[in-house]
PDB file of N, CA and C in Angstrom:
ATOM      1  N   MET A   1      89.668 -20.270 103.660  1.00  0.00           N
ATOM      2  CA  MET A   1      90.492 -19.397 102.779  1.00  0.00           C
ATOM      3  C   MET A   1      90.728 -18.006 103.328  1.00  0.00           C
ATOM      4  N   THR A   2      91.780 -17.355 103.114  1.00  0.00           N
ATOM      5  CA  THR A   2      92.087 -15.934 103.655  1.00  0.00           C
ATOM      6  C   THR A   2      91.555 -15.052 102.435  1.00  0.00           C
ATOM      7  N   ASP A   3      90.882 -14.016 102.932  1.00  0.00           N
ATOM      8  CA  ASP A   3      90.210 -12.977 101.905  1.00  0.00           C
ATOM      9  C   ASP A   3      91.213 -12.155 101.511  1.00  0.00           C
ATOM     10  N   SER A   4      91.376 -11.966 100.188  1.00  0.00           N
ATOM     11  CA  SER A   4      92.402 -11.292  99.600  1.00  0.00           C
ATOM     12  C   SER A   4      92.351  -9.707 100.025  1.00  0.00           C
ATOM     13  N   LYS A   5      91.176  -9.218 100.343  1.00  0.00           N
ATOM     14  CA  LYS A   5      91.033  -7.830 100.699  1.00  0.00           C
ATOM     15  C   LYS A   5      91.758  -7.552 102.041  1.00  0.00           C
ATOM     16  N   ASN A   6      91.864  -8.684 102.881  1.00  0.00           N
ATOM     17  CA  ASN A   6      92.504  -8.471 104.193  1.00  0.00           C
ATOM     18  C   ASN A   6      94.103  -8.475 103.943  1.00  0.00           C
ATOM     19  N   LEU A   7      94.569  -9.082 102.809  1.00  0.00           N
ATOM     20  CA  LEU A   7      95.960  -9.075 102.670  1.00  0.00           C
ATOM     21  C   LEU A   7      96.564  -7.869 102.018  1.00  0.00           C
ATOM     22  N   LEU A   8      95.770  -7.303 101.172  1.00  0.00           N
ATOM     23  CA  LEU A   8      96.268  -6.121 100.464  1.00  0.00           C
ATOM     24  C   LEU A   8      95.633  -4.693 100.814  1.00  0.00           C
ATOM     25  N   HIS A   9      96.569  -3.880 100.955  1.00  0.00           N
ATOM     26  CA  HIS A   9      96.091  -2.437 101.343  1.00  0.00           C
ATOM     27  C   HIS A   9      95.335  -1.989 100.033  1.00  0.00           C
ATOM     28  N   SER A  10      95.889  -2.167  98.951  1.00  0.00           N
ATOM     29  CA  SER A  10      95.367  -1.812  97.550  1.00  0.00           C
ATOM     30  C   SER A  10      96.051  -2.656  96.508  1.00  0.00           C
ATOM     31  N   GLU A  11      95.425  -2.723  95.515  1.00  0.00           N
ATOM     32  CA  GLU A  11      95.926  -3.695  94.397  1.00  0.00           C
ATOM     33  C   GLU A  11      97.321  -3.216  93.941  1.00  0.00           C
ATOM     34  N   THR A  12      97.662  -1.908  94.017  1.00  0.00           N
ATOM     35  CA  THR A  12      98.997  -1.425  93.621  1.00  0.00           C
ATOM     36  C   THR A  12     100.045  -1.071  94.583  1.00  0.00           C
ATOM     37  N   SER A  13      99.668  -1.295  95.992  1.00  0.00           N
ATOM     38  CA  SER A  13     100.493  -1.064  96.959  1.00  0.00           C
ATOM     39  C   SER A  13     101.861  -1.929  96.876  1.00  0.00           C
ATOM     40  N   SER A  14     102.871  -1.256  96.984  1.00  0.00           N
ATOM     41  CA  SER A  14     104.296  -2.014  97.118  1.00  0.00           C
ATOM     42  C   SER A  14     104.738  -2.046  98.439  1.00  0.00           C
ATOM     43  N   VAL A  15     104.078  -1.486  99.351  1.00  0.00           N
ATOM     44  CA  VAL A  15     104.519  -1.476 100.778  1.00  0.00           C
ATOM     45  C   VAL A  15     103.337  -2.037 101.703  1.00  0.00           C
ATOM     46  N   PHE A  16     103.655  -2.996 102.592  1.00  0.00           N
ATOM     47  CA  PHE A  16     102.651  -3.664 103.285  1.00  0.00           C
ATOM     48  C   PHE A  16     102.848  -3.231 104.662  1.00  0.00           C
ATOM     49  N   THR A  17     101.660  -3.188 105.474  1.00  0.00           N
ATOM     50  CA  THR A  17     101.532  -2.971 106.706  1.00  0.00           C
ATOM     51  C   THR A  17     101.963  -3.882 107.532  1.00  0.00           C
ATOM     52  N   ARG A  18     102.430  -3.655 108.870  1.00  0.00           N
ATOM     53  CA  ARG A  18     102.775  -4.690 109.936  1.00  0.00           C
ATOM     54  C   ARG A  18     101.625  -5.836 109.979  1.00  0.00           C
ATOM     55  N   ASP A  19     100.457  -5.309 110.050  1.00  0.00           N
ATOM     56  CA  ASP A  19      99.258  -6.206 110.259  1.00  0.00           C
ATOM     57  C   ASP A  19      99.155  -7.204 108.993  1.00  0.00           C
ATOM     58  N   GLN A  20      99.464  -6.573 107.742  1.00  0.00           N
ATOM     59  CA  GLN A  20      99.349  -7.581 106.526  1.00  0.00           C
ATOM     60  C   GLN A  20     100.386  -8.556 106.499  1.00  0.00           C
ATOM     61  N   LEU A  21     101.698  -8.094 106.996  1.00  0.00           N
ATOM     62  CA  LEU A  21     102.749  -8.971 107.032  1.00  0.00           C
ATOM     63  C   LEU A  21     102.410 -10.068 108.060  1.00  0.00           C
ATOM     64  N   LYS A  22     101.917  -9.695 109.242  1.00  0.00           N
ATOM     65  CA  LYS A  22     101.641 -10.664 110.343  1.00  0.00           C
ATOM     66  C   LYS A  22     100.530 -11.715 109.745  1.00  0.00           C
ATOM     67  N   THR A  23      99.599 -11.140 109.050  1.00  0.00           N
ATOM     68  CA  THR A  23      98.554 -12.070 108.522  1.00  0.00           C
ATOM     69  C   THR A  23      99.145 -13.132 107.685  1.00  0.00           C
ATOM     70  N   VAL A  24     100.159 -12.815 106.703  1.00  0.00           N
ATOM     71  CA  VAL A  24     100.798 -13.684 105.905  1.00  0.00           C
ATOM     72  C   VAL A  24     101.608 -14.535 106.564  1.00  0.00           C
ATOM     73  N   PHE A  25     102.457 -14.071 107.522  1.00  0.00           N
ATOM     74  CA  PHE A  25     103.512 -14.851 108.205  1.00  0.00           C
ATOM     75  C   PHE A  25     102.727 -15.791 109.107  1.00  0.00           C
ATOM     76  N   ASP A  26     101.571 -15.568 109.677  1.00  0.00           N
ATOM     77  CA  ASP A  26     100.950 -16.480 110.523  1.00  0.00           C
ATOM     78  C   ASP A  26     100.386 -17.776 109.670  1.00  0.00           C
ATOM     79  N   MET A  27     100.409 -17.452 108.339  1.00  0.00           N
ATOM     80  CA  MET A  27      99.867 -18.544 107.280  1.00  0.00           C
ATOM     81  C   MET A  27     101.089 -19.615 107.206  1.00  0.00           C
ATOM     82  N   VAL A  28     102.416 -19.162 107.375  1.00  0.00           N
ATOM     83  CA  VAL A  28     103.576 -20.028 107.146  1.00  0.00           C
ATOM     84  C   VAL A  28     104.216 -20.425 108.408  1.00  0.00           C
ATOM     85  N   ALA A  29     104.114 -19.700 109.449  1.00  0.00           N
ATOM     86  CA  ALA A  29     105.054 -19.863 110.651  1.00  0.00           C
ATOM     87  C   ALA A  29     104.653 -21.112 111.298  1.00  0.00           C
ATOM     88  N   ALA A  30     105.644 -21.808 112.071  1.00  0.00           N
ATOM     89  CA  ALA A  30     105.426 -22.849 112.886  1.00  0.00           C
ATOM     90  C   ALA A  30     104.358 -22.628 113.940  1.00  0.00           C
ATOM     91  N   ARG A  31     103.516 -23.368 114.112  1.00  0.00           N
ATOM     92  CA  ARG A  31     102.292 -23.175 115.057  1.00  0.00           C
ATOM     93  C   ARG A  31     102.875 -23.262 116.576  1.00  0.00           C
ATOM     94  N   GLU A  32     103.812 -24.131 116.813  1.00  0.00           N
ATOM     95  CA  GLU A  32     104.281 -24.207 118.218  1.00  0.00           C
ATOM     96  C   GLU A  32     105.306 -23.108 118.607  1.00  0.00           C
ATOM     97  N   ASP A  33     106.114 -22.613 117.633  1.00  0.00           N
ATOM     98  CA  ASP A  33     107.068 -21.465 117.959  1.00  0.00           C
ATOM     99  C   ASP A  33     107.319 -20.831 116.802  1.00  0.00           C
ATOM    100  N   TRP A  34     106.911 -19.489 116.707  1.00  0.00           N
ATOM    101  CA  TRP A  34     107.270 -18.877 115.347  1.00  0.00           C
ATOM    102  C   TRP A  34     108.755 -18.658 114.985  1.00  0.00           C
ATOM    103  N   LYS A  35     109.555 -18.898 115.976  1.00  0.00           N
ATOM    104  CA  LYS A  35     110.979 -18.628 115.755  1.00  0.00           C
ATOM    105  C   LYS A  35     111.671 -19.869 115.138  1.00  0.00           C
ATOM    106  N   LEU A  36     110.948 -20.965 115.025  1.00  0.00           N
ATOM    107  CA  LEU A  36     111.492 -22.298 114.370  1.00  0.00           C
ATOM    108  C   LEU A  36     111.532 -22.101 112.889  1.00  0.00           C
ATOM    109  N   PRO A  37     112.196 -22.997 112.282  1.00  0.00           N
ATOM    110  CA  PRO A  37     112.211 -22.990 110.812  1.00  0.00           C
ATOM    111  C   PRO A  37     110.845 -22.945 110.267  1.00  0.00           C
ATOM    112  N   VAL A  38     110.714 -22.365 109.117  1.00  0.00           N
ATOM    113  CA  VAL A  38     109.356 -22.439 108.309  1.00  0.00           C
ATOM    114  C   VAL A  38     109.368 -23.596 107.382  1.00  0.00           C
ATOM    115  N   VAL A  39     108.482 -24.482 107.500  1.00  0.00           N
ATOM    116  CA  VAL A  39     108.242 -25.594 106.581  1.00  0.00           C
ATOM    117  C   VAL A  39     106.789 -25.734 106.546  1.00  0.00           C
ATOM    118  N   ARG A  40     106.028 -25.132 105.533  1.00  0.00           N
ATOM    119  CA  ARG A  40     104.675 -25.133 105.575  1.00  0.00           C
ATOM    120  C   ARG A  40     104.198 -25.218 104.027  1.00  0.00           C
ATOM    121  N   GLU A  41     103.155 -26.119 103.830  1.00  0.00           N
ATOM    122  CA  GLU A  41     102.514 -26.128 102.661  1.00  0.00           C
ATOM    123  C   GLU A  41     101.121 -25.487 102.820  1.00  0.00           C
ATOM    124  N   ILE A  42     100.875 -24.542 101.920  1.00  0.00           N
ATOM    125  CA  ILE A  42      99.685 -23.722 101.872  1.00  0.00           C
ATOM    126  C   ILE A  42      98.976 -23.643 100.566  1.00  0.00           C
ATOM    127  N   PHE A  43      97.796 -23.332 100.532  1.00  0.00           N
ATOM    128  CA  PHE A  43      97.041 -22.928  99.404  1.00  0.00           C
ATOM    129  C   PHE A  43      97.211 -21.459  99.152  1.00  0.00           C
ATOM    130  N   TYR A  44      97.344 -21.103  97.800  1.00  0.00           N
ATOM    131  CA  TYR A  44      97.201 -19.580  97.454  1.00  0.00           C
ATOM    132  C   TYR A  44      95.893 -19.051  97.882  1.00  0.00           C
ATOM    133  N   PRO A  45      95.917 -17.954  98.454  1.00  0.00           N
ATOM    134  CA  PRO A  45      94.491 -17.243  98.791  1.00  0.00           C
ATOM    135  C   PRO A  45      93.926 -16.979  97.424  1.00  0.00           C
ATOM    136  N   ASP A  46      92.670 -16.987  97.516  1.00  0.00           N
ATOM    137  CA  ASP A  46      91.735 -16.616  96.375  1.00  0.00           C
ATOM    138  C   ASP A  46      91.870 -15.166  96.092  1.00  0.00           C
ATOM    139  N   GLY A  47      92.024 -14.807  94.773  1.00  0.00           N
ATOM    140  CA  GLY A  47      92.086 -13.390  94.377  1.00  0.00           C
ATOM    141  C   GLY A  47      93.187 -12.701  94.435  1.00  0.00           C
ATOM    142  N   ILE A  48      94.374 -13.383  94.845  1.00  0.00           N
ATOM    143  CA  ILE A  48      95.748 -12.694  94.940  1.00  0.00           C
ATOM    144  C   ILE A  48      96.659 -13.290  93.724  1.00  0.00           C
ATOM    145  N   ASP A  49      97.321 -12.482  92.999  1.00  0.00           N
ATOM    146  CA  ASP A  49      98.263 -12.893  92.036  1.00  0.00           C
ATOM    147  C   ASP A  49      99.239 -13.844  92.745  1.00  0.00           C
ATOM    148  N   HIS A  50      99.679 -14.989  92.115  1.00  0.00           N
ATOM    149  CA  HIS A  50     100.745 -15.698  92.802  1.00  0.00           C
ATOM    150  C   HIS A  50     102.109 -15.059  92.916  1.00  0.00           C
ATOM    151  N   ASP A  51     102.631 -14.349  91.982  1.00  0.00           N
ATOM    152  CA  ASP A  51     103.801 -13.622  92.125  1.00  0.00           C
ATOM    153  C   ASP A  51     103.697 -12.490  93.288  1.00  0.00           C
ATOM    154  N   LEU A  52     102.663 -11.890  93.323  1.00  0.00           N
ATOM    155  CA  LEU A  52     102.421 -10.854  94.443  1.00  0.00           C
ATOM    156  C   LEU A  52     102.537 -11.556  95.829  1.00  0.00           C
ATOM    157  N   PHE A  53     101.701 -12.610  95.865  1.00  0.00           N
ATOM    158  CA  PHE A  53     101.733 -13.428  97.084  1.00  0.00           C
ATOM    159  C   PHE A  53     103.281 -13.874  97.458  1.00  0.00           C
ATOM    160  N   HIS A  54     103.867 -14.308  96.607  1.00  0.00           N
ATOM    161  CA  HIS A  54     105.372 -14.640  96.886  1.00  0.00           C
ATOM    162  C   HIS A  54     106.202 -13.464  97.442  1.00  0.00           C
ATOM    163  N   VAL A  55     105.888 -12.395  96.880  1.00  0.00           N
ATOM    164  CA  VAL A  55     106.477 -11.134  97.509  1.00  0.00           C
ATOM    165  C   VAL A  55     106.099 -10.929  98.836  1.00  0.00           C
ATOM    166  N   MET A  56     104.651 -10.928  99.110  1.00  0.00           N
ATOM    167  CA  MET A  56     104.227 -10.784 100.397  1.00  0.00           C
ATOM    168  C   MET A  56     104.744 -11.705 101.319  1.00  0.00           C
ATOM    169  N   VAL A  57     104.826 -13.023 101.024  1.00  0.00           N
ATOM    170  CA  VAL A  57     105.332 -14.021 101.961  1.00  0.00           C
ATOM    171  C   VAL A  57     106.923 -13.725 102.176  1.00  0.00           C
ATOM    172  N   THR A  58     107.681 -13.354 101.212  1.00  0.00           N
ATOM    173  CA  THR A  58     108.983 -13.048 101.328  1.00  0.00           C
ATOM    174  C   THR A  58     109.228 -12.012 102.317  1.00  0.00           C
ATOM    175  N   GLU A  59     108.531 -10.957 102.090  1.00  0.00           N
ATOM    176  CA  GLU A  59     108.581  -9.683 102.986  1.00  0.00           C
ATOM    177  C   GLU A  59     108.360 -10.086 104.335  1.00  0.00           C
ATOM    178  N   ALA A  60     107.207 -10.831 104.550  1.00  0.00           N
ATOM    179  CA  ALA A  60     106.826 -11.274 105.962  1.00  0.00           C
ATOM    180  C   ALA A  60     107.902 -12.146 106.632  1.00  0.00           C
ATOM    181  N   VAL A  61     108.279 -13.086 105.949  1.00  0.00           N
ATOM    182  CA  VAL A  61     109.362 -13.916 106.554  1.00  0.00           C
ATOM    183  C   VAL A  61     110.548 -13.317 106.887  1.00  0.00           C
ATOM    184  N   ILE A  62     111.061 -12.349 105.995  1.00  0.00           N
ATOM    185  CA  ILE A  62     112.300 -11.578 106.397  1.00  0.00           C
ATOM    186  C   ILE A  62     112.024 -10.712 107.568  1.00  0.00           C
ATOM    187  N   PHE A  63     110.861 -10.023 107.500  1.00  0.00           N
ATOM    188  CA  PHE A  63     110.540  -9.105 108.584  1.00  0.00           C
ATOM    189  C   PHE A  63     110.359  -9.722 109.828  1.00  0.00           C
ATOM    190  N   PHE A  64     109.874 -10.817 110.031  1.00  0.00           N
ATOM    191  CA  PHE A  64     109.766 -11.612 111.348  1.00  0.00           C
ATOM    192  C   PHE A  64     110.942 -12.424 111.715  1.00  0.00           C
ATOM    193  N   THR A  65     111.594 -12.988 110.785  1.00  0.00           N
ATOM    194  CA  THR A  65     112.582 -13.970 111.142  1.00  0.00           C
ATOM    195  C   THR A  65     114.043 -13.529 110.736  1.00  0.00           C
ATOM    196  N   GLY A  66     114.127 -12.634 109.788  1.00  0.00           N
ATOM    197  CA  GLY A  66     115.580 -12.324 109.231  1.00  0.00           C
ATOM    198  C   GLY A  66     116.066 -13.394 108.205  1.00  0.00           C
ATOM    199  N   SER A  67     115.182 -14.352 107.999  1.00  0.00           N
ATOM    200  CA  SER A  67     115.595 -15.465 106.938  1.00  0.00           C
ATOM    201  C   SER A  67     114.833 -15.211 105.680  1.00  0.00           C
ATOM    202  N   VAL A  68     115.314 -15.684 104.596  1.00  0.00           N
ATOM    203  CA  VAL A  68     114.676 -15.577 103.406  1.00  0.00           C
ATOM    204  C   VAL A  68     114.089 -16.845 102.900  1.00  0.00           C
ATOM    205  N   PRO A  69     112.928 -16.853 102.533  1.00  0.00           N
ATOM    206  CA  PRO A  69     112.167 -18.111 102.197  1.00  0.00           C
ATOM    207  C   PRO A  69     112.451 -18.537 100.713  1.00  0.00           C
ATOM    208  N   THR A  70     112.348 -19.827 100.634  1.00  0.00           N
ATOM    209  CA  THR A  70     112.188 -20.455  99.330  1.00  0.00           C
ATOM    210  C   THR A  70     110.892 -20.965  98.982  1.00  0.00           C
ATOM    211  N   PHE A  71     110.495 -21.107  97.715  1.00  0.00           N
ATOM    212  CA  PHE A  71     109.261 -21.649  97.357  1.00  0.00           C
ATOM    213  C   PHE A  71     109.329 -22.829  96.418  1.00  0.00           C
ATOM    214  N   ARG A  72     108.283 -23.875  96.386  1.00  0.00           N
ATOM    215  CA  ARG A  72     108.098 -24.808  95.587  1.00  0.00           C
ATOM    216  C   ARG A  72     106.573 -24.763  95.295  1.00  0.00           C
ATOM    217  N   VAL A  73     106.195 -24.785  94.065  1.00  0.00           N
ATOM    218  CA  VAL A  73     104.809 -24.822  93.663  1.00  0.00           C
ATOM    219  C   VAL A  73     104.463 -26.165  93.246  1.00  0.00           C
ATOM    220  N   PHE A  74     103.455 -26.777  93.673  1.00  0.00           N
ATOM    221  CA  PHE A  74     102.820 -28.049  93.247  1.00  0.00           C
ATOM    222  C   PHE A  74     101.520 -27.628  92.406  1.00  0.00           C
ATOM    223  N   LYS A  75     101.590 -27.871  91.147  1.00  0.00           N
ATOM    224  CA  LYS A  75     100.494 -27.349  90.338  1.00  0.00           C
ATOM    225  C   LYS A  75      99.101 -28.332  90.718  1.00  0.00           C
ATOM    226  N   ASN A  76      98.217 -27.531  90.620  1.00  0.00           N
ATOM    227  CA  ASN A  76      96.652 -28.151  90.783  1.00  0.00           C
ATOM    228  C   ASN A  76      96.717 -29.456  91.686  1.00  0.00           C
ATOM    229  N   ASN A  77      96.555 -29.381  92.875  1.00  0.00           N
ATOM    230  CA  ASN A  77      96.351 -30.649  93.721  1.00  0.00           C
ATOM    231  C   ASN A  77      95.112 -31.177  93.017  1.00  0.00           C
ATOM    232  N   PRO A  78      95.284 -32.632  92.640  1.00  0.00           N
ATOM    233  CA  PRO A  78      94.198 -33.214  91.912  1.00  0.00           C
ATOM    234  C   PRO A  78      93.002 -33.425  92.715  1.00  0.00           C
ATOM    235  N   ILE A  79      92.930 -33.266  93.967  1.00  0.00           N
ATOM    236  CA  ILE A  79      91.752 -33.590  94.834  1.00  0.00           C
ATOM    237  C   ILE A  79      91.066 -32.137  95.071  1.00  0.00           C
ATOM    238  N   LEU A  80      91.840 -31.232  95.454  1.00  0.00           N
ATOM    239  CA  LEU A  80      91.263 -29.942  95.680  1.00  0.00           C
ATOM    240  C   LEU A  80      91.256 -28.995  94.430  1.00  0.00           C
ATOM    241  N   LYS A  81      91.963 -29.311  93.378  1.00  0.00           N
ATOM    242  CA  LYS A  81      92.105 -28.491  92.159  1.00  0.00           C
ATOM    243  C   LYS A  81      92.563 -26.951  92.558  1.00  0.00           C
ATOM    244  N   GLN A  82      93.604 -26.967  93.380  1.00  0.00           N
ATOM    245  CA  GLN A  82      94.267 -25.673  93.716  1.00  0.00           C
ATOM    246  C   GLN A  82      95.806 -26.008  93.656  1.00  0.00           C
ATOM    247  N   HIS A  83      96.428 -24.779  93.481  1.00  0.00           N
ATOM    248  CA  HIS A  83      98.056 -24.832  93.601  1.00  0.00           C
ATOM    249  C   HIS A  83      98.309 -24.908  95.053  1.00  0.00           C
ATOM    250  N   VAL A  84      99.433 -25.831  95.320  1.00  0.00           N
ATOM    251  CA  VAL A  84      99.828 -25.909  96.637  1.00  0.00           C
ATOM    252  C   VAL A  84     101.401 -25.243  96.559  1.00  0.00           C
ATOM    253  N   LEU A  85     101.626 -24.319  97.667  1.00  0.00           N
ATOM    254  CA  LEU A  85     102.718 -23.757  97.717  1.00  0.00           C
ATOM    255  C   LEU A  85     103.449 -24.125  99.005  1.00  0.00           C
ATOM    256  N   LEU A  86     104.805 -24.755  98.747  1.00  0.00           N
ATOM    257  CA  LEU A  86     105.709 -25.150  99.876  1.00  0.00           C
ATOM    258  C   LEU A  86     106.628 -23.856 100.266  1.00  0.00           C
ATOM    259  N   VAL A  87     106.572 -23.459 101.480  1.00  0.00           N
ATOM    260  CA  VAL A  87     107.434 -22.261 101.867  1.00  0.00           C
ATOM    261  C   VAL A  87     108.366 -22.792 102.914  1.00  0.00           C
ATOM    262  N   GLU A  88     109.747 -22.623 102.614  1.00  0.00           N
ATOM    263  CA  GLU A  88     110.700 -22.975 103.529  1.00  0.00           C
ATOM    264  C   GLU A  88     111.715 -21.889 103.871  1.00  0.00           C
ATOM    265  N   ALA A  89     112.094 -21.702 105.216  1.00  0.00           N
ATOM    266  CA  ALA A  89     112.955 -20.643 105.590  1.00  0.00           C
ATOM    267  C   ALA A  89     113.637 -21.098 106.798  1.00  0.00           C
ATOM    268  N   ASP A  90     114.941 -20.665 107.156  1.00  0.00           N
ATOM    269  CA  ASP A  90     115.642 -21.004 108.165  1.00  0.00           C
ATOM    270  C   ASP A  90     115.044 -20.639 109.609  1.00  0.00           C
ATOM    271  N   GLY A  91     114.256 -19.674 109.648  1.00  0.00           N
ATOM    272  CA  GLY A  91     113.671 -19.163 110.876  1.00  0.00           C
ATOM    273  C   GLY A  91     114.567 -18.274 111.652  1.00  0.00           C
ATOM    274  N   TYR A  92     113.863 -17.644 112.713  1.00  0.00           N
ATOM    275  CA  TYR A  92     114.418 -16.796 113.439  1.00  0.00           C
ATOM    276  C   TYR A  92     115.744 -17.129 114.302  1.00  0.00           C
ATOM    277  N   TYR A  93     115.556 -18.273 114.969  1.00  0.00           N
ATOM    278  CA  TYR A  93     116.627 -18.877 115.695  1.00  0.00           C
ATOM    279  C   TYR A  93     117.942 -18.888 114.759  1.00  0.00           C
ATOM    280  N   SER A  94     117.826 -19.567 113.807  1.00  0.00           N
ATOM    281  CA  SER A  94     118.982 -19.769 112.781  1.00  0.00           C
ATOM    282  C   SER A  94     119.475 -18.448 112.210  1.00  0.00           C
ATOM    283  N   ALA A  95     118.735 -17.635 111.862  1.00  0.00           N
ATOM    284  CA  ALA A  95     118.999 -16.236 111.316  1.00  0.00           C
ATOM    285  C   ALA A  95     119.779 -15.447 112.391  1.00  0.00           C
ATOM    286  N   MET A  96     119.442 -15.678 113.539  1.00  0.00           N
ATOM    287  CA  MET A  96     120.020 -14.918 114.639  1.00  0.00           C
ATOM    288  C   MET A  96     121.282 -15.552 115.148  1.00  0.00           C
ATOM    289  N   GLY A  97     121.619 -16.726 114.647  1.00  0.00           N
ATOM    290  CA  GLY A  97     122.840 -17.496 115.171  1.00  0.00           C
ATOM    291  C   GLY A  97     122.487 -18.194 116.413  1.00  0.00           C
ATOM    292  N   GLU A  98     121.422 -18.499 116.834  1.00  0.00           N
ATOM    293  CA  GLU A  98     120.962 -19.185 118.046  1.00  0.00           C
ATOM    294  C   GLU A  98     120.762 -20.641 117.499  1.00  0.00           C
ATOM    295  N   SER A  99     120.969 -21.630 118.605  1.00  0.00           N
ATOM    296  CA  SER A  99     120.596 -22.981 118.408  1.00  0.00           C
ATOM    297  C   SER A  99     119.022 -23.178 118.337  1.00  0.00           C
ATOM    298  N   VAL A 100     118.607 -23.973 117.377  1.00  0.00           N
ATOM    299  CA  VAL A 100     117.172 -24.243 117.281  1.00  0.00           C
ATOM    300  C   VAL A 100     116.856 -25.185 118.428  1.00  0.00           C
ATOM    301  N   PRO A 101     115.929 -24.892 119.311  1.00  0.00           N
ATOM    302  CA  PRO A 101     115.524 -25.910 120.268  1.00  0.00           C
ATOM    303  C   PRO A 101     115.016 -27.207 119.765  1.00  0.00           C
ATOM    304  N   ARG A 102     115.327 -28.463 120.598  1.00  0.00           N
ATOM    305  CA  ARG A 102     114.892 -29.548 119.952  1.00  0.00           C
ATOM    306  C   ARG A 102     113.334 -29.811 120.430  1.00  0.00           C
ATOM    307  N   ARG A 103     112.738 -30.365 119.574  1.00  0.00           N
ATOM    308  CA  ARG A 103     111.266 -30.597 119.788  1.00  0.00           C
ATOM    309  C   ARG A 103     111.247 -31.911 120.542  1.00  0.00           C
ATOM    310  N   GLU A 104     110.339 -31.779 121.503  1.00  0.00           N
ATOM    311  CA  GLU A 104     110.074 -33.108 122.312  1.00  0.00           C
ATOM    312  C   GLU A 104     109.175 -34.056 121.589  1.00  0.00           C
ATOM    313  N   VAL A 105     109.671 -35.392 121.738  1.00  0.00           N
ATOM    314  CA  VAL A 105     108.666 -36.337 121.185  1.00  0.00           C
ATOM    315  C   VAL A 105     107.951 -36.905 122.083  1.00  0.00           C
ATOM    316  N   ALA A 106     106.606 -36.966 121.864  1.00  0.00           N
ATOM    317  CA  ALA A 106     105.701 -37.447 122.871  1.00  0.00           C
ATOM    318  C   ALA A 106     105.856 -39.024 122.961  1.00  0.00           C
TER     319      ALA A 106
END
């Protein structure tokens, strides 16, 4: 789990540093190419208000890709007893009007 102190500069901060945005973006970005569309299921980090985390993810995705994320929350994963967040966004390639490279199938 990501430590909430690494994500927030202060509890009342409304401006995030680039490092904070990168930490959050790395949680949702495609592992093989950060410019690909964002489609990621993640757990909410411990100790962070869910609404604030949505703001952080939104700011991070917009900052790095120029696209706006959408969210779907799956309440309490029955096995892990945590909320799961699905984050989706068009990604950098699409936001910049570029074609998305095809993924090679092994």
